[in-house]
Every structure is written in C-alpha cells, then in structure tokens.
Amino acid sequence: MDEFAEDKSSYLINNYQSAAGKSFLLHQDPGGYIKGHLDDGTTALSLEWAGVVLNQWYHIVLVRDYGVKAYLYINGEQKDEVNDTAGDIGSDKNVVIGASSTTLTSQNFNGSIDEVRIYNRAVPQTEIIKHYDLLPPQ
C-alpha cells in the first residue's frame, strides 16, 4: 500500500538495470500516473494508470504471468494489461524500495509504503482482491 505525498517522479520499487539492461520497477509520474515496467534488455513492457490523488492510500499490484500477460491492479481492480513478450528480467542488482537506486536522489518516494510482497508466481486476481479486502477502511 502506498500513500502519495508529492506529485513528482518517484520510485516505489526498483530492481534497477543490470549491465544486461534487465529490470522491473513501479513508479509514480507527475500528473497522477502509476507506471510499471518489465525489461529483459531487449523488450520493454510498460503498464500505466492515471488517477492518483495525493495523500490517499492505494493498493498497487504488478503481476507477470510469464509468456502470457502482465497486469497492473489498483485497489483490487485491473487497470492495464499487456502481452508478455519479454524474456528473463532477472537482474544482478538489489531490489530497492522507495528509491531509484541505493543512493539518495530527487526521485526517492515521499510518502508511506507498507506490506511489500514479491512472489515467484503470478498471483491470480482472486488472491489480489482477497488481500485488498483485508485492508482496514481508509
């Protein structure tokens, strides 16, 4: 869950590019966008949703069903999907939460991030909704 406090480009979770260009990330862009990217160094997949309201909590989920589709969910609802044509996105870099890298930058997230989960499987929508429904009312 995330609460956005500024309308600026900032990273929620980032496995920034390896030397081979592989990465995955979720970030906020100015104008109220949430964007997800999956990159195998050759093929980049992008998903997005416009509608962020500052100082409001969001349950954000990026799912990759390898070789099939990638999905972006906001508050339990599917907002975007793309065909998954990317290959291996595994990077030798560490996953960073709330920043674009391991050093402080202007793209660090200014807000709250809670309950980050990374799975080694494609989480089905029924499970995403179940997790969202467990959250306390905002």
N, C-alpha and C. Protein backbone atom coordinates (compact mmCIF):
# COMPACT_ATOMS: atom_id res chain seq x y z
N MET A 1 0.84 -1.17 0.00
CA MET A 1 0.00 0.00 0.00
C MET A 1 0.88 1.23 0.00
N ASP A 2 0.45 2.24 -0.71
CA ASP A 2 1.24 3.45 -0.82
C ASP A 2 0.35 4.67 -0.64
N GLU A 3 0.92 5.71 -0.04
CA GLU A 3 0.25 6.99 0.08
C GLU A 3 1.16 8.02 -0.54
N PHE A 4 0.67 8.71 -1.57
CA PHE A 4 1.48 9.66 -2.31
C PHE A 4 1.37 11.05 -1.70
N ALA A 5 2.52 11.64 -1.38
CA ALA A 5 2.53 12.95 -0.75
C ALA A 5 2.99 14.06 -1.69
N GLU A 6 3.55 13.70 -2.84
CA GLU A 6 4.04 14.70 -3.79
C GLU A 6 3.72 14.26 -5.21
N ASP A 7 3.46 15.24 -6.08
CA ASP A 7 3.23 14.96 -7.49
C ASP A 7 4.55 15.13 -8.23
N LYS A 8 5.40 14.12 -8.12
CA LYS A 8 6.71 14.15 -8.77
C LYS A 8 7.05 12.72 -9.20
N SER A 9 8.05 12.58 -10.02
CA SER A 9 8.50 11.25 -10.41
C SER A 9 9.22 10.62 -9.22
N SER A 10 8.72 9.47 -8.79
CA SER A 10 9.33 8.79 -7.64
C SER A 10 9.11 7.28 -7.76
N TYR A 11 10.05 6.54 -7.22
CA TYR A 11 10.04 5.09 -7.35
C TYR A 11 9.44 4.42 -6.12
N LEU A 12 8.59 3.42 -6.37
CA LEU A 12 8.00 2.62 -5.30
C LEU A 12 8.87 1.40 -5.04
N ILE A 13 9.20 0.69 -6.12
CA ILE A 13 10.07 -0.48 -6.03
C ILE A 13 10.88 -0.54 -7.32
N ASN A 14 12.15 -0.86 -7.19
CA ASN A 14 13.03 -0.79 -8.34
C ASN A 14 14.11 -1.86 -8.25
N ASN A 15 14.20 -2.65 -9.26
CA ASN A 15 15.30 -3.61 -9.43
C ASN A 15 16.07 -3.06 -10.63
N TYR A 16 16.73 -1.95 -10.41
CA TYR A 16 17.29 -1.15 -11.49
C TYR A 16 18.22 -1.95 -12.39
N GLN A 17 18.41 -1.42 -13.57
CA GLN A 17 19.03 -2.16 -14.66
C GLN A 17 20.38 -2.77 -14.34
N SER A 18 20.49 -4.03 -14.72
CA SER A 18 21.77 -4.72 -14.66
C SER A 18 22.59 -4.30 -15.87
N ALA A 19 23.80 -4.77 -15.95
CA ALA A 19 24.64 -4.47 -17.11
C ALA A 19 23.97 -4.95 -18.40
N ALA A 20 23.15 -5.99 -18.31
CA ALA A 20 22.45 -6.52 -19.48
C ALA A 20 21.15 -5.76 -19.77
N GLY A 21 20.82 -4.75 -18.94
CA GLY A 21 19.62 -3.95 -19.16
C GLY A 21 18.35 -4.55 -18.59
N LYS A 22 18.46 -5.59 -17.77
CA LYS A 22 17.28 -6.24 -17.20
C LYS A 22 16.81 -5.51 -15.94
N SER A 23 15.48 -5.37 -15.81
CA SER A 23 14.96 -4.68 -14.62
C SER A 23 13.44 -4.82 -14.53
N PHE A 24 12.93 -4.51 -13.34
CA PHE A 24 11.50 -4.30 -13.16
C PHE A 24 11.34 -3.14 -12.19
N LEU A 25 10.25 -2.39 -12.33
CA LEU A 25 10.02 -1.27 -11.42
C LEU A 25 8.58 -0.83 -11.44
N LEU A 26 8.20 -0.18 -10.35
CA LEU A 26 6.92 0.52 -10.21
C LEU A 26 7.26 1.94 -9.78
N HIS A 27 6.67 2.92 -10.45
CA HIS A 27 6.93 4.30 -10.04
C HIS A 27 5.73 5.19 -10.30
N GLN A 28 5.76 6.34 -9.65
CA GLN A 28 4.75 7.38 -9.82
C GLN A 28 5.35 8.44 -10.72
N ASP A 29 4.56 8.91 -11.68
CA ASP A 29 4.98 10.03 -12.53
C ASP A 29 4.07 11.21 -12.25
N PRO A 30 4.58 12.43 -12.49
CA PRO A 30 3.73 13.62 -12.30
C PRO A 30 2.45 13.52 -13.13
N GLY A 31 1.42 14.14 -12.64
CA GLY A 31 0.14 14.11 -13.33
C GLY A 31 -0.74 12.97 -12.88
N GLY A 32 -0.32 12.23 -11.84
CA GLY A 32 -1.17 11.19 -11.28
C GLY A 32 -1.05 9.83 -11.91
N TYR A 33 0.10 9.48 -12.45
CA TYR A 33 0.30 8.18 -13.09
C TYR A 33 1.05 7.21 -12.19
N ILE A 34 0.62 5.95 -12.22
CA ILE A 34 1.38 4.83 -11.68
C ILE A 34 1.83 4.03 -12.89
N LYS A 35 3.12 3.73 -12.97
CA LYS A 35 3.64 3.01 -14.12
C LYS A 35 4.44 1.80 -13.66
N GLY A 36 4.29 0.71 -14.38
CA GLY A 36 5.07 -0.49 -14.17
C GLY A 36 5.87 -0.81 -15.40
N HIS A 37 7.09 -1.27 -15.23
CA HIS A 37 7.97 -1.61 -16.36
C HIS A 37 8.65 -2.95 -16.09
N LEU A 38 8.72 -3.76 -17.12
CA LEU A 38 9.45 -5.03 -17.11
C LEU A 38 10.34 -5.00 -18.34
N ASP A 39 11.65 -5.23 -18.16
CA ASP A 39 12.60 -5.09 -19.27
C ASP A 39 13.60 -6.23 -19.24
N ASP A 40 13.72 -6.94 -20.36
CA ASP A 40 14.70 -8.03 -20.45
C ASP A 40 15.99 -7.60 -21.13
N GLY A 41 16.14 -6.30 -21.37
CA GLY A 41 17.33 -5.77 -22.03
C GLY A 41 17.12 -5.57 -23.52
N THR A 42 16.09 -6.20 -24.07
CA THR A 42 15.76 -6.06 -25.48
C THR A 42 14.32 -5.58 -25.63
N THR A 43 13.42 -6.21 -24.89
CA THR A 43 11.99 -5.89 -24.96
C THR A 43 11.55 -5.28 -23.64
N ALA A 44 10.92 -4.12 -23.71
CA ALA A 44 10.41 -3.45 -22.51
C ALA A 44 8.89 -3.45 -22.54
N LEU A 45 8.28 -3.87 -21.45
CA LEU A 45 6.83 -3.82 -21.31
C LEU A 45 6.47 -2.69 -20.36
N SER A 46 5.43 -1.94 -20.68
CA SER A 46 5.00 -0.83 -19.83
C SER A 46 3.51 -0.92 -19.58
N LEU A 47 3.14 -0.67 -18.33
CA LEU A 47 1.74 -0.61 -17.93
C LEU A 47 1.54 0.69 -17.17
N GLU A 48 0.34 1.27 -17.26
CA GLU A 48 0.12 2.52 -16.52
C GLU A 48 -1.34 2.72 -16.18
N TRP A 49 -1.52 3.58 -15.19
CA TRP A 49 -2.85 4.01 -14.75
C TRP A 49 -2.75 5.46 -14.32
N ALA A 50 -3.69 6.28 -14.76
CA ALA A 50 -3.76 7.68 -14.37
C ALA A 50 -4.92 7.86 -13.40
N GLY A 51 -4.69 8.54 -12.30
CA GLY A 51 -5.77 8.77 -11.36
C GLY A 51 -5.32 8.94 -9.93
N VAL A 52 -4.01 9.03 -9.69
CA VAL A 52 -3.50 9.18 -8.33
C VAL A 52 -3.98 10.49 -7.73
N VAL A 53 -4.52 10.40 -6.54
CA VAL A 53 -4.88 11.56 -5.74
C VAL A 53 -3.89 11.62 -4.59
N LEU A 54 -3.27 12.77 -4.38
CA LEU A 54 -2.28 12.90 -3.32
C LEU A 54 -2.92 12.66 -1.95
N ASN A 55 -2.10 12.14 -1.03
CA ASN A 55 -2.50 11.87 0.35
C ASN A 55 -3.64 10.86 0.47
N GLN A 56 -3.67 9.90 -0.44
CA GLN A 56 -4.65 8.82 -0.41
C GLN A 56 -3.89 7.50 -0.57
N TRP A 57 -4.32 6.48 0.18
CA TRP A 57 -3.69 5.16 0.11
C TRP A 57 -4.14 4.42 -1.14
N TYR A 58 -3.22 3.63 -1.71
CA TYR A 58 -3.51 2.76 -2.85
C TYR A 58 -2.90 1.39 -2.62
N HIS A 59 -3.62 0.38 -3.01
CA HIS A 59 -3.12 -0.99 -3.03
C HIS A 59 -2.69 -1.23 -4.48
N ILE A 60 -1.40 -1.38 -4.73
CA ILE A 60 -0.85 -1.46 -6.09
C ILE A 60 -0.20 -2.83 -6.28
N VAL A 61 -0.59 -3.49 -7.38
CA VAL A 61 -0.04 -4.82 -7.67
C VAL A 61 0.36 -4.89 -9.14
N LEU A 62 1.58 -5.34 -9.39
CA LEU A 62 2.07 -5.62 -10.74
C LEU A 62 2.28 -7.13 -10.82
N VAL A 63 1.61 -7.77 -11.77
CA VAL A 63 1.68 -9.23 -11.92
C VAL A 63 2.24 -9.55 -13.30
N ARG A 64 3.16 -10.51 -13.31
CA ARG A 64 3.66 -11.01 -14.59
C ARG A 64 3.35 -12.49 -14.68
N ASP A 65 2.55 -12.85 -15.66
CA ASP A 65 2.29 -14.24 -15.98
C ASP A 65 3.21 -14.56 -17.16
N TYR A 66 4.39 -15.05 -16.87
CA TYR A 66 5.49 -15.18 -17.82
C TYR A 66 5.04 -15.79 -19.15
N GLY A 67 5.32 -15.06 -20.23
CA GLY A 67 4.99 -15.53 -21.57
C GLY A 67 3.54 -15.37 -21.96
N VAL A 68 2.71 -14.87 -21.04
CA VAL A 68 1.28 -14.72 -21.31
C VAL A 68 0.91 -13.23 -21.28
N LYS A 69 0.79 -12.66 -20.09
CA LYS A 69 0.41 -11.24 -19.92
C LYS A 69 1.04 -10.67 -18.67
N ALA A 70 1.06 -9.34 -18.62
CA ALA A 70 1.41 -8.61 -17.40
C ALA A 70 0.21 -7.72 -17.08
N TYR A 71 -0.05 -7.54 -15.77
CA TYR A 71 -1.24 -6.81 -15.32
C TYR A 71 -0.86 -5.79 -14.26
N LEU A 72 -1.59 -4.68 -14.26
CA LEU A 72 -1.47 -3.68 -13.20
C LEU A 72 -2.82 -3.56 -12.52
N TYR A 73 -2.83 -3.75 -11.19
CA TYR A 73 -4.05 -3.65 -10.39
C TYR A 73 -3.91 -2.48 -9.42
N ILE A 74 -4.97 -1.72 -9.29
CA ILE A 74 -5.05 -0.64 -8.30
C ILE A 74 -6.30 -0.90 -7.46
N ASN A 75 -6.12 -1.01 -6.16
CA ASN A 75 -7.23 -1.24 -5.23
C ASN A 75 -8.08 -2.44 -5.64
N GLY A 76 -7.42 -3.51 -6.06
CA GLY A 76 -8.11 -4.74 -6.41
C GLY A 76 -8.70 -4.79 -7.81
N GLU A 77 -8.63 -3.70 -8.56
CA GLU A 77 -9.20 -3.65 -9.91
C GLU A 77 -8.10 -3.64 -10.95
N GLN A 78 -8.26 -4.47 -11.99
CA GLN A 78 -7.29 -4.48 -13.08
C GLN A 78 -7.43 -3.18 -13.86
N LYS A 79 -6.32 -2.46 -14.01
CA LYS A 79 -6.32 -1.17 -14.71
C LYS A 79 -5.62 -1.23 -16.06
N ASP A 80 -4.68 -2.18 -16.24
CA ASP A 80 -3.97 -2.27 -17.51
C ASP A 80 -3.46 -3.69 -17.67
N GLU A 81 -3.25 -4.09 -18.91
CA GLU A 81 -2.64 -5.38 -19.21
C GLU A 81 -1.92 -5.27 -20.55
N VAL A 82 -0.86 -6.04 -20.69
CA VAL A 82 -0.11 -6.12 -21.95
C VAL A 82 0.29 -7.58 -22.17
N ASN A 83 0.48 -7.94 -23.42
CA ASN A 83 1.02 -9.26 -23.72
C ASN A 83 2.46 -9.32 -23.24
N ASP A 84 2.82 -10.41 -22.59
CA ASP A 84 4.18 -10.56 -22.07
C ASP A 84 5.08 -11.15 -23.16
N THR A 85 5.82 -10.28 -23.81
CA THR A 85 6.75 -10.70 -24.86
C THR A 85 8.19 -10.57 -24.41
N ALA A 86 8.41 -10.15 -23.17
CA ALA A 86 9.77 -10.02 -22.64
C ALA A 86 10.26 -11.37 -22.14
N GLY A 87 11.55 -11.54 -22.15
CA GLY A 87 12.15 -12.76 -21.62
C GLY A 87 12.49 -12.59 -20.15
N ASP A 88 13.62 -13.15 -19.77
CA ASP A 88 14.10 -13.10 -18.39
C ASP A 88 14.41 -11.66 -17.98
N ILE A 89 13.81 -11.21 -16.89
CA ILE A 89 14.07 -9.85 -16.39
C ILE A 89 14.93 -9.86 -15.13
N GLY A 90 15.47 -11.02 -14.80
CA GLY A 90 16.29 -11.15 -13.60
C GLY A 90 17.53 -10.28 -13.67
N SER A 91 17.72 -9.47 -12.66
CA SER A 91 18.86 -8.56 -12.59
C SER A 91 19.80 -8.99 -11.47
N ASP A 92 21.06 -8.65 -11.60
CA ASP A 92 22.01 -8.93 -10.53
C ASP A 92 22.06 -7.80 -9.51
N LYS A 93 21.18 -6.82 -9.66
CA LYS A 93 21.11 -5.68 -8.74
C LYS A 93 20.12 -5.97 -7.62
N ASN A 94 20.29 -5.31 -6.49
CA ASN A 94 19.37 -5.45 -5.37
C ASN A 94 18.05 -4.76 -5.67
N VAL A 95 16.99 -5.26 -5.08
CA VAL A 95 15.69 -4.59 -5.15
C VAL A 95 15.72 -3.44 -4.15
N VAL A 96 15.29 -2.27 -4.59
CA VAL A 96 15.27 -1.07 -3.75
C VAL A 96 13.81 -0.63 -3.59
N ILE A 97 13.40 -0.34 -2.38
CA ILE A 97 12.03 0.11 -2.11
C ILE A 97 12.05 1.59 -1.77
N GLY A 98 11.26 2.37 -2.49
CA GLY A 98 11.12 3.79 -2.23
C GLY A 98 12.22 4.66 -2.80
N ALA A 99 13.03 4.12 -3.71
CA ALA A 99 14.14 4.91 -4.28
C ALA A 99 14.46 4.39 -5.67
N SER A 100 15.17 5.23 -6.44
CA SER A 100 15.56 4.82 -7.79
C SER A 100 16.86 4.04 -7.77
N SER A 101 17.63 4.18 -6.70
CA SER A 101 18.89 3.46 -6.57
C SER A 101 19.26 3.38 -5.09
N THR A 102 20.45 2.91 -4.81
CA THR A 102 20.87 2.80 -3.41
C THR A 102 21.40 4.11 -2.86
N THR A 103 21.43 5.17 -3.67
CA THR A 103 21.86 6.48 -3.20
C THR A 103 20.66 7.43 -3.21
N LEU A 104 20.73 8.45 -2.38
CA LEU A 104 19.63 9.42 -2.30
C LEU A 104 19.57 10.24 -3.58
N THR A 105 18.34 10.36 -4.12
CA THR A 105 18.11 11.18 -5.30
C THR A 105 16.81 11.94 -5.13
N SER A 106 16.53 12.82 -6.07
CA SER A 106 15.27 13.55 -6.03
C SER A 106 14.09 12.65 -6.39
N GLN A 107 14.36 11.42 -6.83
CA GLN A 107 13.29 10.51 -7.20
C GLN A 107 12.93 9.53 -6.09
N ASN A 108 13.43 9.78 -4.88
CA ASN A 108 13.01 8.96 -3.75
C ASN A 108 11.54 9.23 -3.46
N PHE A 109 10.84 8.20 -3.02
CA PHE A 109 9.41 8.30 -2.75
C PHE A 109 9.17 9.09 -1.47
N ASN A 110 8.26 10.06 -1.52
CA ASN A 110 7.89 10.84 -0.36
C ASN A 110 6.46 10.44 0.01
N GLY A 111 6.35 9.53 0.93
CA GLY A 111 5.05 9.01 1.35
C GLY A 111 5.28 7.76 2.17
N SER A 112 4.26 6.95 2.31
CA SER A 112 4.37 5.72 3.09
C SER A 112 4.22 4.52 2.18
N ILE A 113 5.05 3.51 2.40
CA ILE A 113 4.96 2.24 1.68
C ILE A 113 4.85 1.16 2.74
N ASP A 114 3.86 0.28 2.59
CA ASP A 114 3.60 -0.74 3.59
C ASP A 114 3.33 -2.07 2.92
N GLU A 115 3.78 -3.15 3.54
CA GLU A 115 3.49 -4.52 3.13
C GLU A 115 3.89 -4.83 1.70
N VAL A 116 5.15 -4.65 1.38
CA VAL A 116 5.67 -5.00 0.05
C VAL A 116 5.84 -6.52 -0.01
N ARG A 117 5.35 -7.11 -1.09
CA ARG A 117 5.48 -8.56 -1.29
C ARG A 117 5.96 -8.81 -2.71
N ILE A 118 6.90 -9.73 -2.85
CA ILE A 118 7.37 -10.18 -4.16
C ILE A 118 7.21 -11.69 -4.19
N TYR A 119 6.45 -12.17 -5.15
CA TYR A 119 6.18 -13.60 -5.28
C TYR A 119 6.97 -14.19 -6.45
N ASN A 120 7.18 -15.48 -6.42
CA ASN A 120 7.83 -16.17 -7.54
C ASN A 120 6.79 -16.87 -8.41
N ARG A 121 5.59 -16.32 -8.44
CA ARG A 121 4.49 -16.86 -9.24
C ARG A 121 3.56 -15.72 -9.62
N ALA A 122 2.71 -15.97 -10.61
CA ALA A 122 1.70 -14.98 -11.00
C ALA A 122 0.53 -15.08 -10.02
N VAL A 123 0.29 -14.05 -9.26
CA VAL A 123 -0.79 -14.04 -8.27
C VAL A 123 -2.12 -13.80 -9.01
N PRO A 124 -3.11 -14.69 -8.83
CA PRO A 124 -4.39 -14.51 -9.53
C PRO A 124 -5.20 -13.35 -8.94
N GLN A 125 -6.10 -12.81 -9.75
CA GLN A 125 -6.90 -11.67 -9.33
C GLN A 125 -7.72 -11.98 -8.08
N THR A 126 -8.19 -13.21 -7.93
CA THR A 126 -8.97 -13.55 -6.73
C THR A 126 -8.14 -13.35 -5.46
N GLU A 127 -6.86 -13.69 -5.52
CA GLU A 127 -5.97 -13.52 -4.37
C GLU A 127 -5.66 -12.04 -4.13
N ILE A 128 -5.50 -11.28 -5.20
CA ILE A 128 -5.26 -9.84 -5.08
C ILE A 128 -6.45 -9.18 -4.39
N ILE A 129 -7.65 -9.53 -4.81
CA ILE A 129 -8.86 -8.97 -4.20
C ILE A 129 -8.95 -9.37 -2.73
N LYS A 130 -8.60 -10.62 -2.42
CA LYS A 130 -8.64 -11.09 -1.04
C LYS A 130 -7.69 -10.27 -0.16
N HIS A 131 -6.48 -10.00 -0.65
CA HIS A 131 -5.53 -9.17 0.10
C HIS A 131 -6.06 -7.75 0.26
N TYR A 132 -6.61 -7.20 -0.80
CA TYR A 132 -7.15 -5.83 -0.74
C TYR A 132 -8.30 -5.76 0.26
N ASP A 133 -9.19 -6.75 0.26
CA ASP A 133 -10.34 -6.75 1.16
C ASP A 133 -9.94 -6.87 2.63
N LEU A 134 -8.73 -7.38 2.91
CA LEU A 134 -8.26 -7.49 4.30
C LEU A 134 -7.78 -6.15 4.87
N LEU A 135 -7.57 -5.16 3.99
CA LEU A 135 -7.08 -3.86 4.45
C LEU A 135 -8.14 -3.13 5.25
N PRO A 136 -7.72 -2.38 6.26
CA PRO A 136 -8.70 -1.59 7.01
C PRO A 136 -9.25 -0.46 6.12
N PRO A 137 -10.47 -0.03 6.35
CA PRO A 137 -11.04 1.06 5.55
C PRO A 137 -10.18 2.32 5.67
N GLN A 138 -10.07 3.03 4.58
CA GLN A 138 -9.25 4.25 4.56
C GLN A 138 -10.12 5.48 4.70
